[in-house]
Amino acid sequence: MGSVVTSTRAAEAGHTLPAPVGDVSAFRQAMGSFPTGVTVVTVASDDGNMHGVTVNSFSSVSLDPMLVMVCLTETSRGVGLIERAGAFVVNVLSAGQQDLSRWFADRHRPVGSAMFDGVPFEPGATGCPVLADAAASFDCRLRQSHSAGDHLIVLGEVVALVYRPHLEPLLFYSGTYKSLEHESRPAGRTVTRRFYRDPDVAGQRPRQRVTGLIPTGLLKPVTNQVSTAPGNDRHSATYPDTGIPLTCGNQT
């Protein structure tokens, strides 16, 4: 007898049903039960090429040294650029940045620097884009990458960070954007930390200190609802590359 897992179908709430381990649809729906934040991974190379992609498979790994990891599909255009640049930035989106999440998941967005037209950012310590009004940004030197199935685990060492404690994070749960429900967070200043300058990081340039918040001025507010249909990585281009989780889709 083959192994099975159990899943709860929305139409039969309160009941668990067996599903084969190989059932990708059930796996994606089950992964959707784990709430996550939403990030945009950005990179820029010496020749001026730039790329950004929406990702929610992100985690801290170590405090000493400070290491983080993200998972990207092996076919993502950002993979080769990160390897050439030797650096990347993980921007943790704030609650008001749903438009950015959708934009950087849109497979029909323009390539190169045109992808960032109208998107406020500044170059970080590594030269990679640090998005304005992100809840936090981790500027990283590429340490290692490991192939894992159809994804690549990218490990970075944090060389600088920006943290805005007064901004709520953008959350994603079961195919829908969410927000925290509690008392307002106290006003605070943007915190910027640069840990060291690494001359071996390609494209590295002097850090520009973030002194305030820059209004994004992007698109009109959008609905919180996104498609939860299995295989949403082949969705209409205006929705995030959810796939539940975001990185179980076809990132580009």
Protein backbone atom coordinates (compact mmCIF):
# COMPACT_ATOMS: atom_id res chain seq x y z
CA MET A 1 0.00 0.00 0.00
CA GLY A 2 1.36 3.42 -0.95
CA SER A 3 1.91 6.15 1.59
CA VAL A 4 -0.81 8.76 2.00
CA VAL A 5 -1.19 12.14 3.58
CA THR A 6 -4.44 13.73 4.68
CA SER A 7 -5.88 16.99 3.50
CA THR A 8 -8.90 19.09 4.33
CA ARG A 9 -10.93 20.27 1.34
CA ALA A 10 -12.69 23.63 1.57
CA ALA A 11 -15.94 22.05 0.37
CA GLU A 12 -15.77 19.48 3.17
CA ALA A 13 -14.55 21.61 6.05
CA GLY A 14 -14.02 19.65 9.20
CA HIS A 15 -13.20 16.40 7.39
CA THR A 16 -9.80 15.05 6.47
CA LEU A 17 -9.38 13.06 3.30
CA PRO A 18 -6.42 10.90 2.25
CA ALA A 19 -4.33 12.15 -0.63
CA PRO A 20 -1.41 10.39 -2.33
CA VAL A 21 2.00 11.76 -1.38
CA GLY A 22 2.59 12.52 -5.04
CA ASP A 23 -0.50 14.72 -5.28
CA VAL A 24 1.09 18.09 -6.10
CA SER A 25 -2.24 19.90 -5.77
CA ALA A 26 -2.74 18.62 -2.23
CA PHE A 27 0.85 19.50 -1.35
CA ARG A 28 0.41 23.07 -2.56
CA GLN A 29 -2.86 23.51 -0.68
CA ALA A 30 -1.36 22.06 2.49
CA MET A 31 1.62 24.42 2.21
CA GLY A 32 -0.87 27.26 1.97
CA SER A 33 -1.81 26.61 5.61
CA PHE A 34 1.58 28.04 6.65
CA PRO A 35 1.38 31.87 6.82
CA THR A 36 4.42 33.68 5.48
CA GLY A 37 5.69 37.13 4.74
CA VAL A 38 6.33 38.24 1.17
CA THR A 39 9.69 39.37 -0.17
CA VAL A 40 11.10 40.71 -3.41
CA VAL A 41 14.62 39.48 -4.17
CA THR A 42 16.55 42.05 -6.20
CA VAL A 43 19.92 41.98 -7.92
CA ALA A 44 22.03 44.26 -10.12
CA SER A 45 25.23 43.49 -12.00
CA ASP A 46 28.19 45.62 -13.02
CA ASP A 47 26.87 45.95 -16.57
CA GLY A 48 23.66 47.62 -15.32
CA ASN A 49 21.41 44.57 -15.71
CA MET A 50 18.79 44.33 -12.95
CA HIS A 51 16.17 41.82 -11.87
CA GLY A 52 13.54 41.40 -9.15
CA VAL A 53 11.25 38.50 -8.28
CA THR A 54 8.55 37.90 -5.65
CA VAL A 55 9.50 35.13 -3.22
CA ASN A 56 8.07 33.91 0.08
CA SER A 57 10.46 31.06 0.76
CA PHE A 58 12.84 33.07 2.97
CA SER A 59 14.44 32.35 6.33
CA SER A 60 17.24 33.32 8.66
CA VAL A 61 19.90 30.62 8.97
CA SER A 62 22.63 31.82 11.34
CA LEU A 63 23.47 34.72 13.65
CA ASP A 64 27.26 34.30 13.56
CA PRO A 65 27.84 34.87 10.76
CA MET A 66 24.52 36.45 9.83
CA LEU A 67 23.15 34.21 7.09
CA VAL A 68 19.79 34.10 5.30
CA MET A 69 18.40 31.85 2.60
CA VAL A 70 15.89 32.14 -0.21
CA CYS A 71 14.63 29.51 -2.64
CA LEU A 72 14.35 30.32 -6.35
CA THR A 73 13.20 28.15 -9.21
CA GLU A 74 16.18 27.01 -11.24
CA THR A 75 14.68 28.57 -14.37
CA SER A 76 14.36 32.04 -12.80
CA ARG A 77 16.19 34.74 -14.75
CA GLY A 78 17.50 36.02 -11.42
CA VAL A 79 19.55 32.91 -10.66
CA GLY A 80 22.26 33.52 -13.23
CA LEU A 81 22.39 37.22 -12.44
CA ILE A 82 22.82 36.56 -8.71
CA GLU A 83 25.65 34.15 -9.45
CA ARG A 84 27.39 36.70 -11.71
CA ALA A 85 26.88 39.62 -9.31
CA GLY A 86 27.78 37.59 -6.24
CA ALA A 87 25.15 39.51 -4.29
CA PHE A 88 21.42 40.10 -3.81
CA VAL A 89 18.95 41.92 -1.56
CA VAL A 90 15.93 40.40 0.17
CA ASN A 91 13.28 43.11 0.60
CA VAL A 92 10.55 42.19 3.12
CA LEU A 93 7.44 43.92 1.80
CA SER A 94 5.29 46.07 4.06
CA ALA A 95 1.49 45.83 4.24
CA GLY A 96 0.95 48.56 1.64
CA GLN A 97 3.11 46.92 -1.03
CA GLN A 98 0.74 44.38 -2.57
CA ASP A 99 1.23 46.10 -5.92
CA LEU A 100 4.96 45.41 -5.76
CA SER A 101 4.31 41.77 -4.90
CA ARG A 102 2.10 41.41 -7.96
CA TRP A 103 4.42 43.39 -10.22
CA PHE A 104 7.53 41.34 -9.48
CA ALA A 105 5.51 38.12 -9.93
CA ASP A 106 4.13 39.20 -13.30
CA ARG A 107 5.85 37.05 -15.89
CA HIS A 108 5.07 39.64 -18.57
CA ARG A 109 6.87 42.49 -16.80
CA PRO A 110 9.74 44.04 -18.78
CA VAL A 111 13.24 42.68 -18.33
CA GLY A 112 16.32 44.48 -17.13
CA SER A 113 16.33 47.94 -15.62
CA ALA A 114 12.93 48.71 -17.18
CA MET A 115 11.47 46.34 -14.60
CA PHE A 116 12.18 49.00 -11.96
CA ASP A 117 10.67 51.96 -13.80
CA GLY A 118 8.40 53.75 -11.31
CA VAL A 119 9.62 51.60 -8.41
CA PRO A 120 11.41 53.72 -5.75
CA PHE A 121 14.70 52.17 -4.67
CA GLU A 122 18.32 53.04 -3.93
CA PRO A 123 21.49 51.01 -4.47
CA GLY A 124 22.56 49.13 -1.40
CA ALA A 125 26.04 48.32 -0.11
CA THR A 126 26.41 45.64 -2.80
CA GLY A 127 24.90 47.81 -5.54
CA CYS A 128 21.69 45.76 -5.59
CA PRO A 129 18.34 47.59 -5.33
CA VAL A 130 16.98 48.30 -1.85
CA LEU A 131 13.24 49.00 -2.19
CA ALA A 132 11.78 52.09 -0.52
CA ASP A 133 9.20 51.52 2.22
CA ALA A 134 10.00 47.84 2.64
CA ALA A 135 9.56 46.65 6.24
CA ALA A 136 13.17 45.41 6.10
CA SER A 137 15.89 44.85 3.52
CA PHE A 138 18.81 42.44 3.85
CA ASP A 139 21.76 43.24 1.59
CA CYS A 140 23.68 40.01 1.07
CA ARG A 141 26.90 38.64 -0.34
CA LEU A 142 26.32 35.29 -2.05
CA ARG A 143 27.86 32.50 0.02
CA GLN A 144 26.60 29.29 -1.54
CA SER A 145 23.84 27.86 -3.69
CA HIS A 146 22.49 24.32 -3.64
CA SER A 147 20.25 22.56 -6.11
CA ALA A 148 17.15 21.03 -4.46
CA GLY A 149 14.63 19.45 -6.82
CA ASP A 150 13.30 22.13 -9.15
CA HIS A 151 14.58 24.94 -6.92
CA LEU A 152 17.89 26.49 -5.94
CA ILE A 153 18.63 27.25 -2.29
CA VAL A 154 20.54 30.52 -2.24
CA LEU A 155 22.52 31.30 0.91
CA GLY A 156 23.66 34.86 1.56
CA GLU A 157 25.70 36.62 4.23
CA VAL A 158 24.12 39.88 5.39
CA VAL A 159 26.50 42.81 4.92
CA ALA A 160 23.97 45.59 5.53
CA LEU A 161 20.34 45.94 6.51
CA VAL A 162 17.53 48.47 6.69
CA TYR A 163 14.72 48.00 9.23
CA ARG A 164 11.56 50.08 9.59
CA PRO A 165 9.95 48.81 12.84
CA HIS A 166 6.87 51.04 12.47
CA LEU A 167 5.76 49.33 9.23
CA GLU A 168 3.52 46.27 9.29
CA PRO A 169 4.64 43.35 7.09
CA LEU A 170 2.67 42.06 4.14
CA LEU A 171 1.39 38.55 4.92
CA PHE A 172 0.28 35.73 2.66
CA TYR A 173 -1.96 32.85 3.76
CA SER A 174 -3.95 30.29 1.76
CA GLY A 175 -3.72 32.26 -1.46
CA THR A 176 -4.77 35.57 0.11
CA TYR A 177 -2.95 38.65 1.35
CA LYS A 178 -3.44 39.28 5.06
CA SER A 179 -2.49 41.92 7.61
CA LEU A 180 -1.82 41.84 11.33
CA GLU A 181 -4.77 42.67 13.59
CA HIS A 182 -3.58 44.37 16.75
CA GLU A 183 -2.95 47.80 18.15
CA SER A 184 -1.04 50.30 16.07
CA ARG A 185 2.72 50.00 16.15
CA PRO A 186 4.61 52.92 17.72
CA ALA A 187 6.23 55.44 15.43
CA GLY A 188 9.89 54.78 14.87
CA ARG A 189 12.91 55.78 12.85
CA THR A 190 14.39 53.85 10.01
CA VAL A 191 17.34 51.81 11.25
CA THR A 192 20.27 51.34 8.87
CA ARG A 193 23.24 49.09 9.60
CA ARG A 194 26.22 48.33 7.43
CA PHE A 195 28.51 45.64 8.78
CA TYR A 196 31.56 45.82 6.55
CA ARG A 197 32.74 46.61 3.06
CA ASP A 198 33.75 43.56 1.06
CA PRO A 199 35.86 44.49 -1.97
CA ASP A 200 35.20 41.06 -3.45
CA VAL A 201 31.50 41.74 -3.90
CA ALA A 202 30.83 42.52 -7.53
CA GLY A 203 29.22 45.88 -8.11
CA GLN A 204 29.70 47.07 -4.55
CA ARG A 205 29.49 50.82 -4.09
CA PRO A 206 29.32 53.22 -1.10
CA ARG A 207 26.21 52.84 1.02
CA GLN A 208 23.61 55.60 0.80
CA ARG A 209 22.00 56.02 4.20
CA VAL A 210 18.21 55.87 4.27
CA THR A 211 17.08 59.01 6.07
CA GLY A 212 13.34 58.74 5.65
CA LEU A 213 10.47 57.01 3.96
CA ILE A 214 9.87 57.59 0.26
CA PRO A 215 6.21 57.32 -0.88
CA THR A 216 5.92 54.62 -3.48
CA GLY A 217 3.23 56.39 -5.50
CA LEU A 218 2.54 53.24 -7.46
CA LEU A 219 -0.77 51.84 -8.62
CA LYS A 220 -4.24 52.20 -7.13
CA PRO A 221 -5.15 50.00 -4.15
CA VAL A 222 -6.00 46.47 -5.18
CA THR A 223 -8.18 43.75 -3.73
CA ASN A 224 -6.71 41.37 -1.18
CA GLN A 225 -8.04 38.33 -2.97
CA VAL A 226 -5.88 36.28 -5.32
CA SER A 227 -6.53 33.04 -7.12
CA THR A 228 -6.02 29.88 -5.08
CA ALA A 229 -6.60 27.49 -7.98
CA PRO A 230 -4.07 24.66 -8.24
CA GLY A 231 -1.39 25.48 -10.76
CA ASN A 232 -1.72 29.20 -10.18
CA ASP A 233 1.83 29.58 -11.45
CA ARG A 234 0.20 29.58 -14.89
CA HIS A 235 -2.25 32.27 -13.84
CA SER A 236 -3.10 35.55 -15.51
CA ALA A 237 -0.04 37.74 -15.26
CA THR A 238 -1.44 40.33 -12.83
CA TYR A 239 -1.51 37.93 -9.87
CA PRO A 240 1.41 36.92 -7.70
CA ASP A 241 3.27 33.73 -8.49
CA THR A 242 1.51 32.10 -5.56
CA GLY A 243 1.31 28.42 -6.27
CA ILE A 244 1.02 28.19 -2.46
CA PRO A 245 3.69 28.95 -1.52
CA LEU A 246 4.91 31.64 -3.91
CA THR A 247 8.09 29.73 -4.68
CA CYS A 248 6.18 26.61 -5.73
CA GLY A 249 5.36 28.41 -8.95
CA ASN A 250 7.36 29.33 -11.98
CA GLN A 251 9.37 32.35 -10.92
CA THR A 252 10.85 34.39 -13.71
